[in-house]
Amino acid sequence: MAKKSGPTPRKRLKEIKLLDKRKAKEARRIEAKERRGKVRVKNSDEDPDIAGIRPGPQPLPEQWDDLGDDE
């Protein structure tokens, strides 16, 4: 019976490239986790999407201010 040979050089290069990619991805994950840790979180109960909106009619945007003058 013939003895099986080891991994081919091409396969070995592919494995090395895969390991390098995994290490780079893990480094990016750690960096992103550190960045998120540095960001302050507001401690308020107000929803940021609706912050500053008053009940009732809202003022017109600046580009529409001149529309009310024609009447």
C-alpha atoms as a PDB file:
ATOM      1  CA  MET A   1       0.000   0.000   0.000  1.00  0.00           C
ATOM      2  CA  ALA A   2       1.167   3.504  -0.814  1.00  0.00           C
ATOM      3  CA  LYS A   3       1.729   6.018   1.900  1.00  0.00           C
ATOM      4  CA  LYS A   4      -0.392   9.197   1.718  1.00  0.00           C
ATOM      5  CA  SER A   5       1.605  12.351   1.308  1.00  0.00           C
ATOM      6  CA  GLY A   6       1.168  15.387   3.532  1.00  0.00           C
ATOM      7  CA  PRO A   7      -0.670  18.548   2.601  1.00  0.00           C
ATOM      8  CA  THR A   8       0.347  20.119  -0.662  1.00  0.00           C
ATOM      9  CA  PRO A   9       2.188  23.430  -0.606  1.00  0.00           C
ATOM     10  CA  ARG A  10      -0.839  25.133  -2.136  1.00  0.00           C
ATOM     11  CA  LYS A  11      -3.090  23.848   0.632  1.00  0.00           C
ATOM     12  CA  ARG A  12      -0.571  24.926   3.272  1.00  0.00           C
ATOM     13  CA  LEU A  13      -0.475  28.465   1.821  1.00  0.00           C
ATOM     14  CA  LYS A  14      -4.263  28.534   1.807  1.00  0.00           C
ATOM     15  CA  GLU A  15      -4.344  27.515   5.487  1.00  0.00           C
ATOM     16  CA  ILE A  16      -1.792  30.195   6.407  1.00  0.00           C
ATOM     17  CA  LYS A  17      -3.827  32.830   4.552  1.00  0.00           C
ATOM     18  CA  LEU A  18      -6.982  31.695   6.375  1.00  0.00           C
ATOM     19  CA  LEU A  19      -5.261  31.931   9.777  1.00  0.00           C
ATOM     20  CA  ASP A  20      -3.973  35.427   8.955  1.00  0.00           C
ATOM     21  CA  LYS A  21      -7.476  36.498   7.961  1.00  0.00           C
ATOM     22  CA  ARG A  22      -8.898  35.137  11.229  1.00  0.00           C
ATOM     23  CA  LYS A  23      -6.260  37.009  13.263  1.00  0.00           C
ATOM     24  CA  ALA A  24      -6.977  40.265  11.419  1.00  0.00           C
ATOM     25  CA  LYS A  25     -10.716  39.851  11.947  1.00  0.00           C
ATOM     26  CA  GLU A  26     -10.233  39.194  15.653  1.00  0.00           C
ATOM     27  CA  ALA A  27      -8.056  42.321  15.917  1.00  0.00           C
ATOM     28  CA  ARG A  28     -10.787  44.389  14.209  1.00  0.00           C
ATOM     29  CA  ARG A  29     -13.374  42.972  16.620  1.00  0.00           C
ATOM     30  CA  ILE A  30     -11.246  43.901  19.639  1.00  0.00           C
ATOM     31  CA  GLU A  31     -10.654  47.399  18.260  1.00  0.00           C
ATOM     32  CA  ALA A  32     -14.377  47.906  17.616  1.00  0.00           C
ATOM     33  CA  LYS A  33     -15.204  46.686  21.113  1.00  0.00           C
ATOM     34  CA  GLU A  34     -12.739  49.202  22.606  1.00  0.00           C
ATOM     35  CA  ARG A  35     -14.196  52.029  20.489  1.00  0.00           C
ATOM     36  CA  ARG A  36     -17.719  51.193  21.626  1.00  0.00           C
ATOM     37  CA  GLY A  37     -16.538  51.126  25.238  1.00  0.00           C
ATOM     38  CA  LYS A  38     -15.191  54.675  24.960  1.00  0.00           C
ATOM     39  CA  VAL A  39     -18.445  56.123  23.616  1.00  0.00           C
ATOM     40  CA  ARG A  40     -20.574  57.689  26.318  1.00  0.00           C
ATOM     41  CA  VAL A  41     -24.165  56.656  26.625  1.00  0.00           C
ATOM     42  CA  LYS A  42     -26.648  59.366  27.523  1.00  0.00           C
ATOM     43  CA  ASN A  43     -28.457  58.694  30.740  1.00  0.00           C
ATOM     44  CA  SER A  44     -31.801  60.180  29.854  1.00  0.00           C
ATOM     45  CA  ASP A  45     -35.244  58.816  29.302  1.00  0.00           C
ATOM     46  CA  GLU A  46     -35.765  60.920  26.168  1.00  0.00           C
ATOM     47  CA  ASP A  47     -35.760  59.156  22.816  1.00  0.00           C
ATOM     48  CA  PRO A  48     -33.015  60.708  20.645  1.00  0.00           C
ATOM     49  CA  ASP A  49     -35.187  60.392  17.530  1.00  0.00           C
ATOM     50  CA  ILE A  50     -37.828  62.719  18.933  1.00  0.00           C
ATOM     51  CA  ALA A  51     -35.626  64.958  21.080  1.00  0.00           C
ATOM     52  CA  GLY A  52     -36.633  68.613  20.876  1.00  0.00           C
ATOM     53  CA  ILE A  53     -40.039  68.046  19.292  1.00  0.00           C
ATOM     54  CA  ARG A  54     -42.905  69.881  20.980  1.00  0.00           C
ATOM     55  CA  PRO A  55     -46.525  68.760  20.960  1.00  0.00           C
ATOM     56  CA  GLY A  56     -48.637  70.580  18.412  1.00  0.00           C
ATOM     57  CA  PRO A  57     -47.756  72.141  15.079  1.00  0.00           C
ATOM     58  CA  GLN A  58     -44.062  72.270  14.299  1.00  0.00           C
ATOM     59  CA  PRO A  59     -42.301  75.302  12.804  1.00  0.00           C
ATOM     60  CA  LEU A  60     -41.620  75.164   9.062  1.00  0.00           C
ATOM     61  CA  PRO A  61     -38.120  74.285   7.900  1.00  0.00           C
ATOM     62  CA  GLU A  62     -35.922  77.222   6.820  1.00  0.00           C
ATOM     63  CA  GLN A  63     -36.271  76.463   3.102  1.00  0.00           C
ATOM     64  CA  TRP A  64     -40.080  76.844   3.457  1.00  0.00           C
ATOM     65  CA  ASP A  65     -40.056  80.108   5.405  1.00  0.00           C
ATOM     66  CA  ASP A  66     -40.649  82.250   2.294  1.00  0.00           C
ATOM     67  CA  LEU A  67     -43.805  80.299   1.302  1.00  0.00           C
ATOM     68  CA  GLY A  68     -45.890  81.940   4.034  1.00  0.00           C
ATOM     69  CA  ASP A  69     -44.984  85.498   2.839  1.00  0.00           C
ATOM     70  CA  ASP A  70     -46.788  85.214  -0.545  1.00  0.00           C
ATOM     71  CA  GLU A  71     -50.275  84.985   0.955  1.00  0.00           C
END
